[in-house]
Amino acid sequence: MEQYSTRQNKISRLIQREMAEILLKVNKERFPGKLLSVTGVRITKDLSIARIHLSIFPSEFANEILEEIKLSGKQLRGELGRKTGKSLRVIPDLEFYIDDSLDYIDNIDSLLKK
């Protein structure tokens, strides 16, 4: 596992907090009845790419919601820029991924119960 600098950690936390707020609004407008949360943000050493991990519930809608979010990535990046403009000089490109750790845990639980 790679070691993160203090700067990377601060920026990751900032992006995670702000993206959670942004996606909360998007979720209410576009995906009512679905639960969407930012579980983690990893940022590259050069601070140019932020990899945002999302947990989507119910998980059967995860792929279609992820695709819609990826399609609106430029607008989300613009909104992130407006919210963090004072803190970040350069807004990183955003990449979105599904965090399926909850599904993995459920699967392990169901296997253990058998």
N, C-alpha and C. Protein backbone atom coordinates (compact mmCIF):
# COMPACT_ATOMS: atom_id res chain seq x y z
N MET A 1 0.85 -1.19 0.00
CA MET A 1 0.00 0.00 0.00
C MET A 1 0.89 1.25 0.00
N GLU A 2 0.52 2.19 -0.86
CA GLU A 2 1.35 3.37 -0.96
C GLU A 2 1.11 4.32 0.21
N GLN A 3 2.15 5.06 0.53
CA GLN A 3 2.09 6.02 1.62
C GLN A 3 1.56 7.36 1.11
N TYR A 4 0.59 7.92 1.81
CA TYR A 4 0.04 9.20 1.41
C TYR A 4 0.68 10.33 2.20
N SER A 5 0.89 11.45 1.53
CA SER A 5 1.42 12.63 2.21
C SER A 5 0.29 13.29 3.00
N THR A 6 0.69 14.16 3.91
CA THR A 6 -0.30 14.90 4.70
C THR A 6 -1.19 15.72 3.77
N ARG A 7 -0.61 16.31 2.75
CA ARG A 7 -1.39 17.11 1.79
C ARG A 7 -2.42 16.25 1.08
N GLN A 8 -2.01 15.05 0.63
CA GLN A 8 -2.96 14.15 -0.04
C GLN A 8 -4.11 13.78 0.89
N ASN A 9 -3.79 13.49 2.14
CA ASN A 9 -4.83 13.13 3.11
C ASN A 9 -5.80 14.27 3.34
N LYS A 10 -5.28 15.50 3.48
CA LYS A 10 -6.16 16.66 3.69
C LYS A 10 -7.08 16.89 2.50
N ILE A 11 -6.51 16.81 1.30
CA ILE A 11 -7.30 17.03 0.10
C ILE A 11 -8.33 15.92 -0.07
N SER A 12 -7.95 14.68 0.21
CA SER A 12 -8.89 13.56 0.12
C SER A 12 -10.08 13.77 1.04
N ARG A 13 -9.80 14.17 2.29
CA ARG A 13 -10.89 14.39 3.24
C ARG A 13 -11.78 15.55 2.80
N LEU A 14 -11.17 16.63 2.31
CA LEU A 14 -11.93 17.79 1.83
C LEU A 14 -12.84 17.38 0.67
N ILE A 15 -12.28 16.66 -0.30
CA ILE A 15 -13.08 16.24 -1.46
C ILE A 15 -14.18 15.29 -1.03
N GLN A 16 -13.88 14.38 -0.11
CA GLN A 16 -14.90 13.44 0.36
C GLN A 16 -16.07 14.18 1.00
N ARG A 17 -15.75 15.13 1.86
CA ARG A 17 -16.80 15.89 2.55
C ARG A 17 -17.65 16.70 1.56
N GLU A 18 -16.98 17.41 0.64
CA GLU A 18 -17.71 18.25 -0.31
C GLU A 18 -18.50 17.41 -1.33
N MET A 19 -17.91 16.31 -1.81
CA MET A 19 -18.63 15.46 -2.77
C MET A 19 -19.84 14.81 -2.11
N ALA A 20 -19.74 14.49 -0.84
CA ALA A 20 -20.88 13.91 -0.12
C ALA A 20 -22.05 14.91 -0.13
N GLU A 21 -21.74 16.18 0.11
CA GLU A 21 -22.79 17.21 0.10
C GLU A 21 -23.38 17.38 -1.30
N ILE A 22 -22.51 17.43 -2.29
CA ILE A 22 -22.96 17.61 -3.68
C ILE A 22 -23.84 16.44 -4.10
N LEU A 23 -23.38 15.22 -3.82
CA LEU A 23 -24.13 14.03 -4.23
C LEU A 23 -25.42 13.87 -3.45
N LEU A 24 -25.49 14.43 -2.25
CA LEU A 24 -26.73 14.39 -1.48
C LEU A 24 -27.83 15.15 -2.24
N LYS A 25 -27.47 16.32 -2.79
CA LYS A 25 -28.44 17.10 -3.58
C LYS A 25 -28.82 16.36 -4.86
N VAL A 26 -27.80 15.83 -5.54
CA VAL A 26 -28.03 15.09 -6.79
C VAL A 26 -28.92 13.88 -6.52
N ASN A 27 -28.66 13.21 -5.42
CA ASN A 27 -29.42 12.02 -5.06
C ASN A 27 -30.90 12.34 -4.86
N LYS A 28 -31.19 13.43 -4.16
CA LYS A 28 -32.58 13.82 -3.91
C LYS A 28 -33.30 14.14 -5.22
N GLU A 29 -32.60 14.81 -6.15
CA GLU A 29 -33.23 15.21 -7.41
C GLU A 29 -33.37 14.06 -8.39
N ARG A 30 -32.32 13.28 -8.56
CA ARG A 30 -32.29 12.27 -9.63
C ARG A 30 -32.60 10.85 -9.21
N PHE A 31 -32.25 10.49 -7.97
CA PHE A 31 -32.40 9.10 -7.53
C PHE A 31 -33.19 9.00 -6.23
N PRO A 32 -34.43 9.48 -6.21
CA PRO A 32 -35.19 9.41 -4.96
C PRO A 32 -35.39 7.96 -4.53
N GLY A 33 -35.28 7.73 -3.24
CA GLY A 33 -35.46 6.39 -2.70
C GLY A 33 -34.20 5.55 -2.72
N LYS A 34 -33.11 6.10 -3.23
CA LYS A 34 -31.84 5.37 -3.26
C LYS A 34 -30.90 6.02 -2.24
N LEU A 35 -30.00 5.22 -1.72
CA LEU A 35 -29.01 5.74 -0.76
C LEU A 35 -27.66 5.77 -1.44
N LEU A 36 -27.05 6.94 -1.46
CA LEU A 36 -25.78 7.15 -2.16
C LEU A 36 -24.82 7.83 -1.19
N SER A 37 -23.67 7.20 -0.94
CA SER A 37 -22.70 7.81 -0.03
C SER A 37 -21.28 7.66 -0.54
N VAL A 38 -20.45 8.63 -0.18
CA VAL A 38 -19.04 8.62 -0.56
C VAL A 38 -18.29 7.90 0.55
N THR A 39 -17.75 6.72 0.24
CA THR A 39 -17.08 5.93 1.27
C THR A 39 -15.59 6.23 1.37
N GLY A 40 -15.02 6.78 0.32
CA GLY A 40 -13.60 7.11 0.37
C GLY A 40 -13.14 7.85 -0.86
N VAL A 41 -12.04 8.57 -0.72
CA VAL A 41 -11.44 9.29 -1.84
C VAL A 41 -9.94 9.03 -1.80
N ARG A 42 -9.41 8.60 -2.92
CA ARG A 42 -7.96 8.42 -3.06
C ARG A 42 -7.49 9.42 -4.10
N ILE A 43 -6.41 10.10 -3.79
CA ILE A 43 -5.91 11.12 -4.72
C ILE A 43 -4.49 10.75 -5.14
N THR A 44 -4.18 10.98 -6.42
CA THR A 44 -2.85 10.64 -6.93
C THR A 44 -1.79 11.57 -6.33
N LYS A 45 -0.55 11.13 -6.39
CA LYS A 45 0.56 11.91 -5.81
C LYS A 45 0.64 13.33 -6.38
N ASP A 46 0.37 13.46 -7.69
CA ASP A 46 0.44 14.80 -8.30
C ASP A 46 -0.86 15.60 -8.12
N LEU A 47 -1.81 15.04 -7.36
CA LEU A 47 -3.08 15.70 -7.02
C LEU A 47 -3.95 15.99 -8.24
N SER A 48 -3.74 15.25 -9.34
CA SER A 48 -4.49 15.54 -10.56
C SER A 48 -5.74 14.68 -10.73
N ILE A 49 -5.80 13.54 -10.04
CA ILE A 49 -6.95 12.65 -10.17
C ILE A 49 -7.44 12.25 -8.78
N ALA A 50 -8.74 12.41 -8.57
CA ALA A 50 -9.38 11.95 -7.34
C ALA A 50 -10.25 10.75 -7.69
N ARG A 51 -9.97 9.62 -7.06
CA ARG A 51 -10.77 8.41 -7.28
C ARG A 51 -11.78 8.32 -6.14
N ILE A 52 -13.05 8.50 -6.50
CA ILE A 52 -14.10 8.59 -5.50
C ILE A 52 -14.85 7.26 -5.47
N HIS A 53 -14.92 6.67 -4.28
CA HIS A 53 -15.59 5.39 -4.11
C HIS A 53 -16.98 5.65 -3.51
N LEU A 54 -18.00 5.09 -4.18
CA LEU A 54 -19.38 5.32 -3.79
C LEU A 54 -20.03 4.03 -3.33
N SER A 55 -20.84 4.13 -2.31
CA SER A 55 -21.68 3.02 -1.88
C SER A 55 -23.10 3.37 -2.30
N ILE A 56 -23.73 2.45 -3.04
CA ILE A 56 -25.07 2.71 -3.58
C ILE A 56 -25.99 1.60 -3.08
N PHE A 57 -27.10 2.00 -2.48
CA PHE A 57 -28.08 1.04 -1.97
C PHE A 57 -29.46 1.43 -2.47
N PRO A 58 -30.27 0.53 -2.94
CA PRO A 58 -30.03 -0.90 -3.13
C PRO A 58 -29.03 -1.14 -4.27
N SER A 59 -28.20 -2.15 -4.10
CA SER A 59 -27.06 -2.36 -4.99
C SER A 59 -27.45 -2.79 -6.40
N GLU A 60 -28.69 -3.25 -6.60
CA GLU A 60 -29.06 -3.64 -7.98
C GLU A 60 -29.15 -2.43 -8.92
N PHE A 61 -29.22 -1.21 -8.36
CA PHE A 61 -29.24 0.00 -9.18
C PHE A 61 -27.85 0.63 -9.31
N ALA A 62 -26.85 0.02 -8.70
CA ALA A 62 -25.51 0.63 -8.60
C ALA A 62 -24.92 0.98 -9.96
N ASN A 63 -24.95 0.04 -10.91
CA ASN A 63 -24.29 0.30 -12.19
C ASN A 63 -24.94 1.43 -12.97
N GLU A 64 -26.28 1.47 -13.01
CA GLU A 64 -26.93 2.54 -13.77
C GLU A 64 -26.73 3.90 -13.10
N ILE A 65 -26.75 3.95 -11.78
CA ILE A 65 -26.51 5.21 -11.07
C ILE A 65 -25.07 5.66 -11.28
N LEU A 66 -24.13 4.71 -11.20
CA LEU A 66 -22.72 5.04 -11.42
C LEU A 66 -22.52 5.61 -12.82
N GLU A 67 -23.16 5.03 -13.82
CA GLU A 67 -23.02 5.53 -15.20
C GLU A 67 -23.55 6.96 -15.31
N GLU A 68 -24.70 7.23 -14.68
CA GLU A 68 -25.26 8.59 -14.72
C GLU A 68 -24.32 9.59 -14.04
N ILE A 69 -23.72 9.17 -12.93
CA ILE A 69 -22.79 10.05 -12.22
C ILE A 69 -21.56 10.30 -13.07
N LYS A 70 -21.06 9.25 -13.73
CA LYS A 70 -19.88 9.42 -14.60
C LYS A 70 -20.20 10.39 -15.75
N LEU A 71 -21.41 10.29 -16.31
CA LEU A 71 -21.80 11.18 -17.40
C LEU A 71 -21.87 12.64 -16.95
N SER A 72 -22.22 12.86 -15.70
CA SER A 72 -22.31 14.24 -15.20
C SER A 72 -21.05 14.64 -14.44
N GLY A 73 -19.95 13.95 -14.70
CA GLY A 73 -18.69 14.20 -14.00
C GLY A 73 -18.18 15.62 -14.14
N LYS A 74 -18.33 16.21 -15.34
CA LYS A 74 -17.83 17.57 -15.56
C LYS A 74 -18.61 18.58 -14.71
N GLN A 75 -19.93 18.41 -14.64
CA GLN A 75 -20.74 19.31 -13.81
C GLN A 75 -20.38 19.13 -12.33
N LEU A 76 -20.17 17.88 -11.91
CA LEU A 76 -19.81 17.62 -10.52
C LEU A 76 -18.46 18.24 -10.19
N ARG A 77 -17.52 18.16 -11.13
CA ARG A 77 -16.19 18.75 -10.93
C ARG A 77 -16.32 20.28 -10.83
N GLY A 78 -17.19 20.87 -11.66
CA GLY A 78 -17.42 22.32 -11.61
C GLY A 78 -18.00 22.74 -10.27
N GLU A 79 -18.96 21.95 -9.79
CA GLU A 79 -19.58 22.25 -8.49
C GLU A 79 -18.54 22.11 -7.37
N LEU A 80 -17.71 21.08 -7.47
CA LEU A 80 -16.64 20.89 -6.48
C LEU A 80 -15.68 22.09 -6.52
N GLY A 81 -15.38 22.58 -7.70
CA GLY A 81 -14.52 23.75 -7.85
C GLY A 81 -15.11 24.99 -7.20
N ARG A 82 -16.43 25.17 -7.35
CA ARG A 82 -17.08 26.33 -6.73
C ARG A 82 -17.03 26.23 -5.20
N LYS A 83 -17.18 25.01 -4.68
CA LYS A 83 -17.21 24.83 -3.23
C LYS A 83 -15.82 24.86 -2.59
N THR A 84 -14.79 24.46 -3.35
CA THR A 84 -13.45 24.35 -2.76
C THR A 84 -12.45 25.32 -3.39
N GLY A 85 -12.94 26.27 -4.16
CA GLY A 85 -12.06 27.19 -4.87
C GLY A 85 -11.05 27.90 -4.00
N LYS A 86 -11.42 28.20 -2.76
CA LYS A 86 -10.50 28.89 -1.86
C LYS A 86 -9.45 27.95 -1.29
N SER A 87 -9.74 26.64 -1.27
CA SER A 87 -8.83 25.68 -0.64
C SER A 87 -7.92 24.97 -1.64
N LEU A 88 -8.39 24.81 -2.87
CA LEU A 88 -7.62 24.08 -3.87
C LEU A 88 -7.31 24.98 -5.06
N ARG A 89 -6.05 24.97 -5.48
CA ARG A 89 -5.69 25.74 -6.66
C ARG A 89 -6.19 25.06 -7.92
N VAL A 90 -5.96 23.74 -7.99
CA VAL A 90 -6.36 22.96 -9.16
C VAL A 90 -7.35 21.91 -8.70
N ILE A 91 -8.49 21.84 -9.36
CA ILE A 91 -9.50 20.84 -9.03
C ILE A 91 -9.13 19.56 -9.78
N PRO A 92 -8.96 18.45 -9.08
CA PRO A 92 -8.56 17.22 -9.77
C PRO A 92 -9.68 16.67 -10.65
N ASP A 93 -9.28 15.88 -11.66
CA ASP A 93 -10.27 15.14 -12.44
C ASP A 93 -10.89 14.11 -11.52
N LEU A 94 -12.16 13.81 -11.74
CA LEU A 94 -12.87 12.89 -10.86
C LEU A 94 -13.11 11.56 -11.57
N GLU A 95 -12.81 10.49 -10.87
CA GLU A 95 -13.12 9.14 -11.34
C GLU A 95 -13.99 8.49 -10.28
N PHE A 96 -15.07 7.85 -10.71
CA PHE A 96 -16.01 7.26 -9.77
C PHE A 96 -15.97 5.74 -9.86
N TYR A 97 -16.03 5.11 -8.69
CA TYR A 97 -16.02 3.65 -8.59
C TYR A 97 -17.05 3.21 -7.57
N ILE A 98 -17.53 1.99 -7.74
CA ILE A 98 -18.47 1.43 -6.77
C ILE A 98 -17.68 0.77 -5.66
N ASP A 99 -18.02 1.11 -4.43
CA ASP A 99 -17.44 0.45 -3.26
C ASP A 99 -18.41 -0.67 -2.89
N ASP A 100 -18.04 -1.90 -3.21
CA ASP A 100 -18.94 -3.02 -2.97
C ASP A 100 -18.57 -3.79 -1.70
N SER A 101 -17.91 -3.12 -0.76
CA SER A 101 -17.50 -3.81 0.46
C SER A 101 -18.70 -4.27 1.29
N LEU A 102 -19.81 -3.52 1.25
CA LEU A 102 -21.00 -3.96 1.99
C LEU A 102 -21.58 -5.23 1.40
N ASP A 103 -21.60 -5.34 0.07
CA ASP A 103 -22.07 -6.56 -0.57
C ASP A 103 -21.16 -7.72 -0.22
N TYR A 104 -19.87 -7.45 -0.18
CA TYR A 104 -18.88 -8.48 0.16
C TYR A 104 -19.12 -8.98 1.59
N ILE A 105 -19.35 -8.06 2.52
CA ILE A 105 -19.62 -8.42 3.91
C ILE A 105 -20.90 -9.24 4.01
N ASP A 106 -21.96 -8.82 3.30
CA ASP A 106 -23.21 -9.58 3.30
C ASP A 106 -23.00 -10.99 2.78
N ASN A 107 -22.20 -11.09 1.73
CA ASN A 107 -21.92 -12.40 1.15
C ASN A 107 -21.19 -13.29 2.16
N ILE A 108 -20.20 -12.76 2.83
CA ILE A 108 -19.44 -13.52 3.85
C ILE A 108 -20.40 -13.95 4.97
N ASP A 109 -21.25 -13.02 5.42
CA ASP A 109 -22.22 -13.35 6.49
C ASP A 109 -23.12 -14.50 6.07
N SER A 110 -23.65 -14.42 4.85
CA SER A 110 -24.56 -15.48 4.40
C SER A 110 -23.84 -16.82 4.25
N LEU A 111 -22.58 -16.78 3.84
CA LEU A 111 -21.80 -18.02 3.74
C LEU A 111 -21.52 -18.61 5.13
N LEU A 112 -21.26 -17.75 6.10
CA LEU A 112 -20.99 -18.22 7.46
C LEU A 112 -22.23 -18.80 8.12
N LYS A 113 -23.41 -18.28 7.74
CA LYS A 113 -24.65 -18.77 8.34
C LYS A 113 -25.07 -20.13 7.81
N LYS A 114 -24.52 -20.52 6.65
CA LYS A 114 -24.90 -21.81 6.04
C LYS A 114 -24.33 -22.98 6.80
